Amino acid sequence: MLGTFTIPITAMVTPLNVSDSDEFDNVLTDMRLFIDLYKVILVFDKGYWYYKRFKELANKGIRFIVPMKKGAKYKVVSQKRIKRYSDFTIELNDTPGTLFRLVVIHTNKGDLEYLTNIFDMKPFQIRFCYDMRWDMEILNKELKSNLKIEYLISENLNSVLIQIFSTLIAYLLIALFRITHNSLLPVLEIKRLLRYYGTYSVKKVQELSPKSITIT
């Protein structure tokens, strides 16, 4: 995340039989080249649930938020309950000696439960941070729907890699356009803009100010 924009920092290409969870540490290793992991909050879904991982992140001081897994066993150390939320300090049975926080947001549609090692944020801030993960789903949709990464041109490994990384490069160029012009136009609209201005010089594009143009 960069303000209101979503920027892919790293990409891992794996065989189909490799679990996403197994690549978690490799992704973090790549991310360290671009960001300080101690200054960000990692948010990920239950597909990455791994007790040892939680303990390692906590011991390193890397903050994270993940939905609480049903059936997880833990001991409550302290608790605070009000109408809108419940806030617990807990010790997971599988990670004795390490304290975590369980935040439960009560809604009309049921409870939303989050496990985190962040203790200095309000419960609804925890929920807000996790909800920002939805931008990743939007990114996936944009890559599939508008940049045509869903359909492979060839089954040759080299061709597949070229298609994937060419698509990511295209997305980064579009993201750069968005940031430069503070534009929240959809990817499809920006693609049309870039085609339209493709024959102009950079100076001419700046004079025309594409950030103020809406294509219908």
N, C-alpha and C. Protein backbone atom coordinates (compact mmCIF):
# COMPACT_ATOMS: atom_id res chain seq x y z
N MET A 1 0.84 -1.19 0.00
CA MET A 1 0.00 0.00 0.00
C MET A 1 0.88 1.24 0.00
N LEU A 2 0.51 2.21 -0.81
CA LEU A 2 1.17 3.50 -0.83
C LEU A 2 0.08 4.55 -0.88
N GLY A 3 -0.32 5.02 0.30
CA GLY A 3 -1.45 5.93 0.35
C GLY A 3 -2.71 5.23 -0.12
N THR A 4 -3.34 5.77 -1.17
CA THR A 4 -4.56 5.17 -1.71
C THR A 4 -4.26 4.20 -2.83
N PHE A 5 -2.98 3.93 -3.09
CA PHE A 5 -2.59 3.08 -4.21
C PHE A 5 -2.03 1.75 -3.71
N THR A 6 -2.24 0.71 -4.51
CA THR A 6 -1.70 -0.61 -4.21
C THR A 6 -0.56 -0.92 -5.16
N ILE A 7 0.61 -1.18 -4.61
CA ILE A 7 1.80 -1.43 -5.42
C ILE A 7 2.34 -2.82 -5.11
N PRO A 8 2.44 -3.71 -6.10
CA PRO A 8 3.07 -5.01 -5.85
C PRO A 8 4.57 -4.82 -5.61
N ILE A 9 5.07 -5.33 -4.49
CA ILE A 9 6.47 -5.13 -4.13
C ILE A 9 7.34 -6.26 -4.67
N THR A 10 6.83 -7.48 -4.59
CA THR A 10 7.59 -8.63 -5.05
C THR A 10 6.64 -9.67 -5.61
N ALA A 11 7.16 -10.59 -6.38
CA ALA A 11 6.34 -11.66 -6.97
C ALA A 11 7.12 -12.96 -6.94
N MET A 12 6.44 -14.03 -6.59
CA MET A 12 7.06 -15.36 -6.56
C MET A 12 6.30 -16.26 -7.53
N VAL A 13 7.01 -16.93 -8.40
CA VAL A 13 6.40 -17.87 -9.34
C VAL A 13 6.79 -19.28 -8.88
N THR A 14 5.78 -20.13 -8.63
CA THR A 14 6.04 -21.47 -8.11
C THR A 14 5.26 -22.51 -8.89
N PRO A 15 5.63 -23.77 -8.80
CA PRO A 15 4.81 -24.84 -9.37
C PRO A 15 3.46 -24.90 -8.65
N LEU A 16 2.49 -25.57 -9.26
CA LEU A 16 1.15 -25.65 -8.68
C LEU A 16 1.14 -26.41 -7.35
N ASN A 17 2.08 -27.34 -7.16
CA ASN A 17 2.04 -28.17 -5.97
C ASN A 17 2.79 -27.57 -4.78
N VAL A 18 3.15 -26.29 -4.86
CA VAL A 18 3.81 -25.61 -3.75
C VAL A 18 2.78 -24.79 -2.98
N SER A 19 2.72 -25.01 -1.68
CA SER A 19 1.77 -24.28 -0.84
C SER A 19 2.17 -22.82 -0.71
N ASP A 20 1.18 -21.93 -0.80
CA ASP A 20 1.45 -20.50 -0.61
C ASP A 20 2.11 -20.25 0.75
N SER A 21 1.63 -20.99 1.76
CA SER A 21 2.15 -20.79 3.11
C SER A 21 3.64 -21.08 3.19
N ASP A 22 4.10 -22.07 2.41
CA ASP A 22 5.52 -22.42 2.42
C ASP A 22 6.38 -21.32 1.82
N GLU A 23 5.78 -20.44 1.01
CA GLU A 23 6.54 -19.36 0.37
C GLU A 23 6.55 -18.08 1.20
N PHE A 24 5.87 -18.10 2.33
CA PHE A 24 5.72 -16.89 3.15
C PHE A 24 7.08 -16.28 3.48
N ASP A 25 8.01 -17.09 3.99
CA ASP A 25 9.32 -16.57 4.40
C ASP A 25 10.11 -16.06 3.20
N ASN A 26 9.96 -16.72 2.04
CA ASN A 26 10.66 -16.26 0.85
C ASN A 26 10.16 -14.89 0.40
N VAL A 27 8.85 -14.70 0.51
CA VAL A 27 8.26 -13.40 0.15
C VAL A 27 8.79 -12.31 1.08
N LEU A 28 8.85 -12.60 2.39
CA LEU A 28 9.37 -11.62 3.34
C LEU A 28 10.83 -11.29 3.05
N THR A 29 11.61 -12.30 2.68
CA THR A 29 13.01 -12.06 2.35
C THR A 29 13.14 -11.10 1.18
N ASP A 30 12.31 -11.28 0.15
CA ASP A 30 12.32 -10.37 -0.99
C ASP A 30 11.85 -8.97 -0.59
N MET A 31 10.82 -8.92 0.24
CA MET A 31 10.26 -7.63 0.64
C MET A 31 11.26 -6.78 1.41
N ARG A 32 12.16 -7.43 2.15
CA ARG A 32 13.15 -6.70 2.94
C ARG A 32 14.05 -5.81 2.07
N LEU A 33 14.15 -6.14 0.79
CA LEU A 33 14.98 -5.34 -0.11
C LEU A 33 14.36 -3.97 -0.37
N PHE A 34 13.04 -3.86 -0.15
CA PHE A 34 12.32 -2.63 -0.53
C PHE A 34 11.71 -1.89 0.65
N ILE A 35 11.37 -2.60 1.71
CA ILE A 35 10.70 -1.96 2.83
C ILE A 35 11.29 -2.43 4.15
N ASP A 36 11.08 -1.63 5.19
CA ASP A 36 11.49 -2.00 6.54
C ASP A 36 10.32 -2.74 7.19
N LEU A 37 10.47 -4.05 7.38
CA LEU A 37 9.37 -4.86 7.91
C LEU A 37 8.97 -4.45 9.33
N TYR A 38 9.83 -3.70 10.01
CA TYR A 38 9.53 -3.27 11.37
C TYR A 38 8.67 -2.00 11.39
N LYS A 39 8.44 -1.42 10.21
CA LYS A 39 7.65 -0.20 10.14
C LYS A 39 6.30 -0.42 9.44
N VAL A 40 5.98 -1.66 9.13
CA VAL A 40 4.72 -1.95 8.44
C VAL A 40 3.93 -2.97 9.25
N ILE A 41 2.70 -3.22 8.81
CA ILE A 41 1.85 -4.24 9.42
C ILE A 41 1.53 -5.28 8.35
N LEU A 42 1.86 -6.53 8.61
CA LEU A 42 1.54 -7.60 7.68
C LEU A 42 0.11 -8.07 7.93
N VAL A 43 -0.68 -8.16 6.88
CA VAL A 43 -2.03 -8.72 6.99
C VAL A 43 -2.14 -9.88 6.01
N PHE A 44 -2.62 -11.00 6.47
CA PHE A 44 -2.74 -12.17 5.62
C PHE A 44 -3.89 -13.03 6.11
N ASP A 45 -4.39 -13.92 5.24
CA ASP A 45 -5.57 -14.70 5.60
C ASP A 45 -5.18 -16.00 6.29
N LYS A 46 -6.19 -16.82 6.61
CA LYS A 46 -5.95 -18.03 7.39
C LYS A 46 -5.19 -19.10 6.63
N GLY A 47 -5.01 -18.90 5.32
CA GLY A 47 -4.20 -19.84 4.55
C GLY A 47 -2.75 -19.84 4.98
N TYR A 48 -2.34 -18.80 5.70
CA TYR A 48 -0.96 -18.69 6.18
C TYR A 48 -0.87 -18.96 7.68
N TRP A 49 -1.91 -19.57 8.24
CA TRP A 49 -1.94 -19.84 9.69
C TRP A 49 -0.87 -20.87 10.05
N TYR A 50 0.05 -20.48 10.92
CA TYR A 50 1.13 -21.37 11.33
C TYR A 50 1.66 -20.85 12.67
N TYR A 51 1.48 -21.63 13.74
CA TYR A 51 1.81 -21.17 15.09
C TYR A 51 3.27 -20.74 15.22
N LYS A 52 4.19 -21.54 14.66
CA LYS A 52 5.61 -21.21 14.75
C LYS A 52 5.88 -19.87 14.09
N ARG A 53 5.20 -19.61 12.97
CA ARG A 53 5.38 -18.33 12.26
C ARG A 53 4.95 -17.17 13.14
N PHE A 54 3.82 -17.30 13.81
CA PHE A 54 3.33 -16.23 14.67
C PHE A 54 4.34 -15.91 15.76
N LYS A 55 4.89 -16.96 16.36
CA LYS A 55 5.86 -16.76 17.44
C LYS A 55 7.12 -16.10 16.93
N GLU A 56 7.59 -16.51 15.76
CA GLU A 56 8.80 -15.92 15.19
C GLU A 56 8.60 -14.45 14.86
N LEU A 57 7.43 -14.12 14.28
CA LEU A 57 7.14 -12.72 13.95
C LEU A 57 7.09 -11.87 15.23
N ALA A 58 6.44 -12.43 16.26
CA ALA A 58 6.32 -11.70 17.53
C ALA A 58 7.69 -11.48 18.16
N ASN A 59 8.52 -12.52 18.14
CA ASN A 59 9.85 -12.41 18.75
C ASN A 59 10.74 -11.42 18.00
N LYS A 60 10.53 -11.29 16.69
CA LYS A 60 11.32 -10.36 15.88
C LYS A 60 10.77 -8.94 15.94
N GLY A 61 9.56 -8.78 16.50
CA GLY A 61 8.96 -7.45 16.56
C GLY A 61 8.30 -7.02 15.27
N ILE A 62 7.97 -7.99 14.40
CA ILE A 62 7.26 -7.69 13.16
C ILE A 62 5.77 -7.83 13.41
N ARG A 63 5.02 -6.77 13.20
CA ARG A 63 3.59 -6.75 13.52
C ARG A 63 2.76 -7.44 12.44
N PHE A 64 1.71 -8.12 12.86
CA PHE A 64 0.85 -8.82 11.90
C PHE A 64 -0.58 -8.88 12.42
N ILE A 65 -1.50 -9.12 11.49
CA ILE A 65 -2.92 -9.33 11.80
C ILE A 65 -3.42 -10.46 10.91
N VAL A 66 -4.11 -11.42 11.50
CA VAL A 66 -4.65 -12.56 10.75
C VAL A 66 -5.99 -12.93 11.36
N PRO A 67 -6.98 -13.36 10.58
CA PRO A 67 -8.25 -13.80 11.16
C PRO A 67 -8.02 -14.97 12.11
N MET A 68 -8.73 -14.98 13.22
CA MET A 68 -8.61 -16.06 14.19
C MET A 68 -9.18 -17.35 13.62
N LYS A 69 -8.47 -18.43 13.83
CA LYS A 69 -8.89 -19.73 13.31
C LYS A 69 -9.82 -20.41 14.31
N LYS A 70 -10.96 -20.88 13.81
CA LYS A 70 -11.89 -21.58 14.68
C LYS A 70 -11.25 -22.86 15.21
N GLY A 71 -11.44 -23.10 16.48
CA GLY A 71 -10.88 -24.31 17.08
C GLY A 71 -9.50 -24.12 17.66
N ALA A 72 -8.90 -22.95 17.44
CA ALA A 72 -7.58 -22.70 18.02
C ALA A 72 -7.69 -22.67 19.54
N LYS A 73 -6.77 -23.34 20.20
CA LYS A 73 -6.83 -23.45 21.66
C LYS A 73 -5.88 -22.44 22.30
N TYR A 74 -6.39 -21.77 23.33
CA TYR A 74 -5.59 -20.73 23.98
C TYR A 74 -6.07 -20.51 25.40
N LYS A 75 -5.24 -19.81 26.18
CA LYS A 75 -5.57 -19.44 27.56
C LYS A 75 -5.71 -17.92 27.63
N VAL A 76 -6.80 -17.44 28.23
CA VAL A 76 -7.03 -16.01 28.36
C VAL A 76 -6.25 -15.47 29.56
N VAL A 77 -5.41 -14.47 29.30
CA VAL A 77 -4.62 -13.85 30.36
C VAL A 77 -5.35 -12.64 30.94
N SER A 78 -5.96 -11.85 30.05
CA SER A 78 -6.76 -10.70 30.49
C SER A 78 -7.82 -10.44 29.43
N GLN A 79 -8.86 -9.70 29.82
CA GLN A 79 -9.94 -9.45 28.87
C GLN A 79 -10.68 -8.17 29.19
N LYS A 80 -11.26 -7.59 28.12
CA LYS A 80 -12.10 -6.41 28.25
C LYS A 80 -13.27 -6.60 27.32
N ARG A 81 -14.47 -6.50 27.84
CA ARG A 81 -15.67 -6.69 27.04
C ARG A 81 -16.57 -5.47 27.13
N ILE A 82 -16.99 -4.97 25.97
CA ILE A 82 -18.03 -3.95 25.91
C ILE A 82 -18.99 -4.38 24.80
N LYS A 83 -19.99 -3.55 24.55
CA LYS A 83 -21.04 -3.93 23.61
C LYS A 83 -20.52 -4.14 22.19
N ARG A 84 -19.60 -3.30 21.75
CA ARG A 84 -19.17 -3.32 20.35
C ARG A 84 -18.00 -4.26 20.08
N TYR A 85 -17.22 -4.58 21.12
CA TYR A 85 -16.07 -5.45 20.89
C TYR A 85 -15.63 -6.12 22.19
N SER A 86 -14.84 -7.18 22.03
CA SER A 86 -14.16 -7.83 23.15
C SER A 86 -12.67 -7.85 22.83
N ASP A 87 -11.86 -7.62 23.85
CA ASP A 87 -10.41 -7.50 23.65
C ASP A 87 -9.71 -8.41 24.66
N PHE A 88 -8.98 -9.41 24.14
CA PHE A 88 -8.34 -10.39 25.01
C PHE A 88 -6.83 -10.39 24.81
N THR A 89 -6.12 -10.60 25.89
CA THR A 89 -4.71 -10.99 25.81
C THR A 89 -4.68 -12.49 26.06
N ILE A 90 -4.05 -13.23 25.12
CA ILE A 90 -4.12 -14.68 25.20
C ILE A 90 -2.73 -15.31 25.03
N GLU A 91 -2.67 -16.58 25.42
CA GLU A 91 -1.48 -17.39 25.19
C GLU A 91 -1.91 -18.64 24.45
N LEU A 92 -1.47 -18.78 23.22
CA LEU A 92 -1.84 -19.95 22.42
C LEU A 92 -1.19 -21.21 22.99
N ASN A 93 -1.95 -22.29 23.02
CA ASN A 93 -1.43 -23.54 23.57
C ASN A 93 -0.19 -24.03 22.84
N ASP A 94 -0.13 -23.75 21.53
CA ASP A 94 1.00 -24.24 20.73
C ASP A 94 2.21 -23.30 20.76
N THR A 95 2.07 -22.13 21.39
CA THR A 95 3.21 -21.21 21.52
C THR A 95 3.29 -20.70 22.95
N PRO A 96 3.53 -21.58 23.92
CA PRO A 96 3.58 -21.16 25.33
C PRO A 96 4.67 -20.13 25.56
N GLY A 97 4.35 -19.16 26.42
CA GLY A 97 5.33 -18.12 26.76
C GLY A 97 5.26 -16.89 25.89
N THR A 98 4.46 -16.92 24.82
CA THR A 98 4.31 -15.75 23.94
C THR A 98 2.88 -15.25 24.00
N LEU A 99 2.72 -13.98 24.29
CA LEU A 99 1.38 -13.39 24.41
C LEU A 99 0.94 -12.78 23.08
N PHE A 100 -0.33 -13.01 22.78
CA PHE A 100 -0.95 -12.42 21.60
C PHE A 100 -2.22 -11.70 22.02
N ARG A 101 -2.81 -11.03 21.06
CA ARG A 101 -4.05 -10.30 21.30
C ARG A 101 -5.14 -10.85 20.41
N LEU A 102 -6.29 -11.11 20.98
CA LEU A 102 -7.46 -11.56 20.22
C LEU A 102 -8.50 -10.44 20.28
N VAL A 103 -8.78 -9.86 19.12
CA VAL A 103 -9.76 -8.78 19.02
C VAL A 103 -11.03 -9.33 18.38
N VAL A 104 -12.15 -9.16 19.02
CA VAL A 104 -13.43 -9.64 18.51
C VAL A 104 -14.36 -8.45 18.31
N ILE A 105 -14.70 -8.18 17.07
CA ILE A 105 -15.62 -7.08 16.75
C ILE A 105 -17.02 -7.67 16.61
N HIS A 106 -17.96 -7.17 17.39
CA HIS A 106 -19.34 -7.68 17.36
C HIS A 106 -20.16 -6.88 16.34
N THR A 107 -20.73 -7.58 15.36
CA THR A 107 -21.56 -6.95 14.35
C THR A 107 -22.92 -7.63 14.30
N ASN A 108 -23.85 -7.03 13.57
CA ASN A 108 -25.19 -7.63 13.43
C ASN A 108 -25.14 -8.95 12.67
N LYS A 109 -24.10 -9.14 11.87
CA LYS A 109 -23.98 -10.36 11.07
C LYS A 109 -23.08 -11.41 11.74
N GLY A 110 -22.62 -11.12 12.94
CA GLY A 110 -21.77 -12.07 13.64
C GLY A 110 -20.47 -11.42 14.09
N ASP A 111 -19.62 -12.20 14.73
CA ASP A 111 -18.36 -11.69 15.26
C ASP A 111 -17.23 -11.80 14.24
N LEU A 112 -16.37 -10.79 14.22
CA LEU A 112 -15.15 -10.80 13.41
C LEU A 112 -13.97 -10.92 14.38
N GLU A 113 -13.18 -11.97 14.23
CA GLU A 113 -12.11 -12.24 15.19
C GLU A 113 -10.74 -12.13 14.52
N TYR A 114 -9.83 -11.41 15.18
CA TYR A 114 -8.49 -11.19 14.64
C TYR A 114 -7.44 -11.54 15.68
N LEU A 115 -6.41 -12.24 15.25
CA LEU A 115 -5.25 -12.52 16.08
C LEU A 115 -4.13 -11.58 15.67
N THR A 116 -3.48 -10.95 16.63
CA THR A 116 -2.43 -9.99 16.31
C THR A 116 -1.42 -9.93 17.46
N ASN A 117 -0.28 -9.35 17.17
CA ASN A 117 0.70 -9.06 18.23
C ASN A 117 0.82 -7.56 18.45
N ILE A 118 -0.18 -6.82 17.99
CA ILE A 118 -0.22 -5.37 18.15
C ILE A 118 -1.09 -5.03 19.36
N PHE A 119 -0.52 -4.39 20.36
CA PHE A 119 -1.27 -4.09 21.58
C PHE A 119 -1.55 -2.60 21.76
N ASP A 120 -0.99 -1.75 20.88
CA ASP A 120 -1.13 -0.31 21.08
C ASP A 120 -2.09 0.34 20.09
N MET A 121 -2.96 -0.45 19.48
CA MET A 121 -3.97 0.08 18.58
C MET A 121 -5.36 -0.29 19.09
N LYS A 122 -6.34 0.56 18.79
CA LYS A 122 -7.70 0.28 19.21
C LYS A 122 -8.29 -0.87 18.38
N PRO A 123 -9.26 -1.60 18.94
CA PRO A 123 -9.84 -2.74 18.23
C PRO A 123 -10.33 -2.42 16.82
N PHE A 124 -10.98 -1.27 16.65
CA PHE A 124 -11.51 -0.95 15.31
C PHE A 124 -10.39 -0.52 14.36
N GLN A 125 -9.26 -0.09 14.89
CA GLN A 125 -8.10 0.16 14.03
C GLN A 125 -7.53 -1.15 13.52
N ILE A 126 -7.56 -2.19 14.37
CA ILE A 126 -7.12 -3.52 13.95
C ILE A 126 -7.99 -4.01 12.80
N ARG A 127 -9.30 -3.85 12.94
CA ARG A 127 -10.21 -4.28 11.88
C ARG A 127 -9.95 -3.48 10.60
N PHE A 128 -9.77 -2.17 10.73
CA PHE A 128 -9.54 -1.32 9.56
C PHE A 128 -8.28 -1.76 8.81
N CYS A 129 -7.21 -2.05 9.56
CA CYS A 129 -5.95 -2.47 8.92
C CYS A 129 -6.16 -3.77 8.16
N TYR A 130 -6.89 -4.71 8.75
CA TYR A 130 -7.09 -5.98 8.05
C TYR A 130 -7.97 -5.77 6.81
N ASP A 131 -8.97 -4.91 6.93
CA ASP A 131 -9.87 -4.68 5.79
C ASP A 131 -9.12 -4.09 4.60
N MET A 132 -7.98 -3.44 4.84
CA MET A 132 -7.20 -2.88 3.74
C MET A 132 -6.62 -3.98 2.85
N ARG A 133 -6.61 -5.20 3.36
CA ARG A 133 -6.14 -6.33 2.57
C ARG A 133 -7.02 -6.53 1.32
N TRP A 134 -8.24 -6.05 1.36
CA TRP A 134 -9.15 -6.20 0.23
C TRP A 134 -8.56 -5.59 -1.04
N ASP A 135 -7.69 -4.58 -0.89
CA ASP A 135 -7.05 -3.97 -2.06
C ASP A 135 -6.22 -5.00 -2.81
N MET A 136 -5.73 -6.01 -2.11
CA MET A 136 -4.98 -7.07 -2.79
C MET A 136 -5.89 -7.87 -3.70
N GLU A 137 -7.13 -8.08 -3.26
CA GLU A 137 -8.09 -8.79 -4.10
C GLU A 137 -8.44 -7.96 -5.34
N ILE A 138 -8.52 -6.64 -5.15
CA ILE A 138 -8.79 -5.75 -6.29
C ILE A 138 -7.64 -5.81 -7.27
N LEU A 139 -6.41 -5.85 -6.74
CA LEU A 139 -5.23 -5.97 -7.60
C LEU A 139 -5.30 -7.25 -8.42
N ASN A 140 -5.63 -8.36 -7.78
CA ASN A 140 -5.73 -9.64 -8.48
C ASN A 140 -6.78 -9.58 -9.59
N LYS A 141 -7.91 -8.93 -9.29
CA LYS A 141 -8.98 -8.80 -10.28
C LYS A 141 -8.52 -7.96 -11.47
N GLU A 142 -7.81 -6.88 -11.19
CA GLU A 142 -7.33 -6.01 -12.27
C GLU A 142 -6.33 -6.75 -13.15
N LEU A 143 -5.45 -7.54 -12.53
CA LEU A 143 -4.47 -8.29 -13.31
C LEU A 143 -5.15 -9.31 -14.21
N LYS A 144 -6.19 -9.96 -13.69
CA LYS A 144 -6.87 -11.00 -14.46
C LYS A 144 -7.81 -10.41 -15.52
N SER A 145 -8.59 -9.43 -15.11
CA SER A 145 -9.65 -8.92 -15.99
C SER A 145 -9.15 -7.94 -17.04
N ASN A 146 -8.31 -7.00 -16.62
CA ASN A 146 -7.93 -5.91 -17.52
C ASN A 146 -6.56 -6.08 -18.16
N LEU A 147 -5.69 -6.85 -17.52
CA LEU A 147 -4.35 -7.03 -18.09
C LEU A 147 -4.15 -8.44 -18.63
N LYS A 148 -5.22 -9.22 -18.64
CA LYS A 148 -5.26 -10.52 -19.34
C LYS A 148 -4.20 -11.51 -18.89
N ILE A 149 -3.96 -11.59 -17.59
CA ILE A 149 -3.00 -12.56 -17.09
C ILE A 149 -3.67 -13.92 -16.83
N GLU A 150 -4.99 -13.95 -16.90
CA GLU A 150 -5.73 -15.17 -16.58
C GLU A 150 -5.56 -16.24 -17.66
N TYR A 151 -5.36 -15.81 -18.91
CA TYR A 151 -5.24 -16.75 -20.02
C TYR A 151 -3.80 -16.77 -20.53
N LEU A 152 -3.18 -17.93 -20.50
CA LEU A 152 -1.79 -18.05 -20.90
C LEU A 152 -1.68 -18.19 -22.42
N ILE A 153 -0.77 -17.43 -23.00
CA ILE A 153 -0.55 -17.47 -24.44
C ILE A 153 0.12 -18.77 -24.84
N SER A 154 0.99 -19.28 -23.96
CA SER A 154 1.73 -20.50 -24.24
C SER A 154 1.92 -21.28 -22.94
N GLU A 155 2.13 -22.58 -23.03
CA GLU A 155 2.40 -23.40 -21.86
C GLU A 155 3.90 -23.58 -21.64
N ASN A 156 4.71 -23.03 -22.52
CA ASN A 156 6.16 -23.06 -22.35
C ASN A 156 6.55 -22.23 -21.13
N LEU A 157 7.42 -22.78 -20.27
CA LEU A 157 7.78 -22.11 -19.01
C LEU A 157 8.30 -20.71 -19.24
N ASN A 158 9.20 -20.55 -20.18
CA ASN A 158 9.78 -19.24 -20.44
C ASN A 158 8.71 -18.25 -20.90
N SER A 159 7.78 -18.70 -21.74
CA SER A 159 6.70 -17.84 -22.22
C SER A 159 5.78 -17.43 -21.08
N VAL A 160 5.49 -18.38 -20.19
CA VAL A 160 4.64 -18.09 -19.04
C VAL A 160 5.28 -17.02 -18.16
N LEU A 161 6.58 -17.17 -17.89
CA LEU A 161 7.28 -16.20 -17.05
C LEU A 161 7.30 -14.83 -17.71
N ILE A 162 7.54 -14.79 -19.02
CA ILE A 162 7.55 -13.51 -19.74
C ILE A 162 6.18 -12.85 -19.64
N GLN A 163 5.10 -13.63 -19.81
CA GLN A 163 3.76 -13.07 -19.76
C GLN A 163 3.44 -12.52 -18.36
N ILE A 164 3.81 -13.28 -17.34
CA ILE A 164 3.51 -12.86 -15.97
C ILE A 164 4.25 -11.57 -15.63
N PHE A 165 5.55 -11.54 -15.88
CA PHE A 165 6.33 -10.36 -15.48
C PHE A 165 6.11 -9.17 -16.40
N SER A 166 5.77 -9.42 -17.65
CA SER A 166 5.38 -8.30 -18.53
C SER A 166 4.11 -7.65 -18.02
N THR A 167 3.18 -8.48 -17.56
CA THR A 167 1.93 -7.96 -17.01
C THR A 167 2.19 -7.15 -15.75
N LEU A 168 3.05 -7.64 -14.89
CA LEU A 168 3.37 -6.91 -13.66
C LEU A 168 4.07 -5.58 -13.97
N ILE A 169 4.96 -5.59 -14.97
CA ILE A 169 5.62 -4.35 -15.38
C ILE A 169 4.59 -3.35 -15.91
N ALA A 170 3.63 -3.85 -16.70
CA ALA A 170 2.57 -2.98 -17.23
C ALA A 170 1.76 -2.39 -16.09
N TYR A 171 1.46 -3.23 -15.10
CA TYR A 171 0.68 -2.72 -13.96
C TYR A 171 1.46 -1.65 -13.21
N LEU A 172 2.77 -1.86 -13.02
CA LEU A 172 3.59 -0.88 -12.32
C LEU A 172 3.64 0.45 -13.08
N LEU A 173 3.68 0.40 -14.41
CA LEU A 173 3.66 1.62 -15.20
C LEU A 173 2.34 2.36 -15.02
N ILE A 174 1.26 1.59 -14.98
CA ILE A 174 -0.06 2.20 -14.75
C ILE A 174 -0.13 2.78 -13.34
N ALA A 175 0.44 2.04 -12.37
CA ALA A 175 0.46 2.55 -10.99
C ALA A 175 1.26 3.84 -10.92
N LEU A 176 2.37 3.90 -11.65
CA LEU A 176 3.18 5.13 -11.69
C LEU A 176 2.38 6.29 -12.26
N PHE A 177 1.60 5.99 -13.30
CA PHE A 177 0.72 7.02 -13.89
C PHE A 177 -0.27 7.51 -12.84
N ARG A 178 -0.87 6.58 -12.11
CA ARG A 178 -1.85 6.95 -11.08
C ARG A 178 -1.24 7.84 -10.02
N ILE A 179 -0.05 7.46 -9.54
CA ILE A 179 0.60 8.21 -8.48
C ILE A 179 1.03 9.59 -8.98
N THR A 180 1.63 9.63 -10.16
CA THR A 180 2.11 10.89 -10.71
C THR A 180 0.98 11.90 -10.89
N HIS A 181 -0.17 11.40 -11.34
CA HIS A 181 -1.30 12.29 -11.61
C HIS A 181 -2.38 12.23 -10.54
N ASN A 182 -2.07 11.53 -9.43
CA ASN A 182 -3.03 11.41 -8.34
C ASN A 182 -4.40 11.00 -8.87
N SER A 183 -4.38 10.00 -9.74
CA SER A 183 -5.60 9.59 -10.45
C SER A 183 -6.09 8.24 -9.95
N LEU A 184 -7.38 8.16 -9.67
CA LEU A 184 -7.99 6.90 -9.25
C LEU A 184 -8.82 6.29 -10.38
N LEU A 185 -8.51 6.69 -11.62
CA LEU A 185 -9.21 6.10 -12.76
C LEU A 185 -8.99 4.59 -12.79
N PRO A 186 -9.97 3.82 -13.26
CA PRO A 186 -9.79 2.37 -13.39
C PRO A 186 -8.66 2.03 -14.36
N VAL A 187 -8.11 0.83 -14.21
CA VAL A 187 -7.01 0.40 -15.07
C VAL A 187 -7.37 0.49 -16.54
N LEU A 188 -8.59 0.07 -16.90
CA LEU A 188 -9.01 0.08 -18.29
C LEU A 188 -9.00 1.49 -18.85
N GLU A 189 -9.45 2.47 -18.06
CA GLU A 189 -9.46 3.85 -18.52
C GLU A 189 -8.04 4.37 -18.73
N ILE A 190 -7.14 3.99 -17.81
CA ILE A 190 -5.75 4.45 -17.93
C ILE A 190 -5.08 3.83 -19.14
N LYS A 191 -5.40 2.58 -19.43
CA LYS A 191 -4.87 1.93 -20.64
C LYS A 191 -5.28 2.72 -21.88
N ARG A 192 -6.52 3.16 -21.92
CA ARG A 192 -7.00 3.96 -23.05
C ARG A 192 -6.27 5.30 -23.12
N LEU A 193 -6.06 5.91 -21.96
CA LEU A 193 -5.33 7.18 -21.92
C LEU A 193 -3.92 7.02 -22.47
N LEU A 194 -3.23 5.96 -22.03
CA LEU A 194 -1.86 5.74 -22.46
C LEU A 194 -1.78 5.49 -23.96
N ARG A 195 -2.78 4.77 -24.50
CA ARG A 195 -2.81 4.55 -25.95
C ARG A 195 -3.00 5.89 -26.68
N TYR A 196 -3.89 6.71 -26.10
CA TYR A 196 -4.22 7.99 -26.74
C TYR A 196 -3.01 8.92 -26.77
N TYR A 197 -2.25 8.96 -25.64
CA TYR A 197 -1.13 9.88 -25.54
C TYR A 197 0.19 9.24 -25.99
N GLY A 198 0.13 8.00 -26.46
CA GLY A 198 1.35 7.29 -26.81
C GLY A 198 2.16 7.95 -27.91
N THR A 199 1.52 8.74 -28.77
CA THR A 199 2.23 9.38 -29.90
C THR A 199 2.75 10.77 -29.53
N TYR A 200 2.47 11.24 -28.30
CA TYR A 200 2.90 12.57 -27.91
C TYR A 200 4.22 12.52 -27.14
N SER A 201 4.94 13.62 -27.13
CA SER A 201 6.14 13.73 -26.31
C SER A 201 5.74 13.91 -24.85
N VAL A 202 6.68 13.69 -23.94
CA VAL A 202 6.40 13.86 -22.51
C VAL A 202 5.96 15.29 -22.22
N LYS A 203 6.62 16.25 -22.86
CA LYS A 203 6.27 17.66 -22.63
C LYS A 203 4.85 17.94 -23.07
N LYS A 204 4.46 17.38 -24.22
CA LYS A 204 3.11 17.60 -24.74
C LYS A 204 2.07 16.98 -23.82
N VAL A 205 2.36 15.79 -23.30
CA VAL A 205 1.43 15.13 -22.38
C VAL A 205 1.23 15.98 -21.14
N GLN A 206 2.34 16.56 -20.64
CA GLN A 206 2.24 17.41 -19.45
C GLN A 206 1.39 18.64 -19.73
N GLU A 207 1.51 19.18 -20.93
CA GLU A 207 0.71 20.36 -21.31
C GLU A 207 -0.77 20.01 -21.39
N LEU A 208 -1.07 18.80 -21.89
CA LEU A 208 -2.46 18.38 -22.03
C LEU A 208 -3.08 17.96 -20.71
N SER A 209 -2.22 17.69 -19.71
CA SER A 209 -2.67 17.36 -18.35
C SER A 209 -3.70 16.23 -18.34
N PRO A 210 -3.29 15.00 -18.62
CA PRO A 210 -4.24 13.88 -18.67
C PRO A 210 -4.97 13.60 -17.38
N LYS A 211 -4.46 14.11 -16.26
CA LYS A 211 -5.15 13.84 -15.00
C LYS A 211 -6.53 14.49 -14.95
N SER A 212 -6.75 15.48 -15.82
CA SER A 212 -8.03 16.17 -15.80
C SER A 212 -8.99 15.64 -16.86
N ILE A 213 -8.55 14.62 -17.62
CA ILE A 213 -9.36 14.12 -18.72
C ILE A 213 -10.12 12.87 -18.30
N THR A 214 -11.38 12.82 -18.63
CA THR A 214 -12.19 11.63 -18.40
C THR A 214 -12.64 11.08 -19.74
N ILE A 215 -12.32 9.82 -19.98
CA ILE A 215 -12.72 9.19 -21.25
C ILE A 215 -14.06 8.51 -21.10
N THR A 216 -14.96 8.75 -22.00
CA THR A 216 -16.27 8.13 -21.94
C THR A 216 -16.42 7.17 -23.13
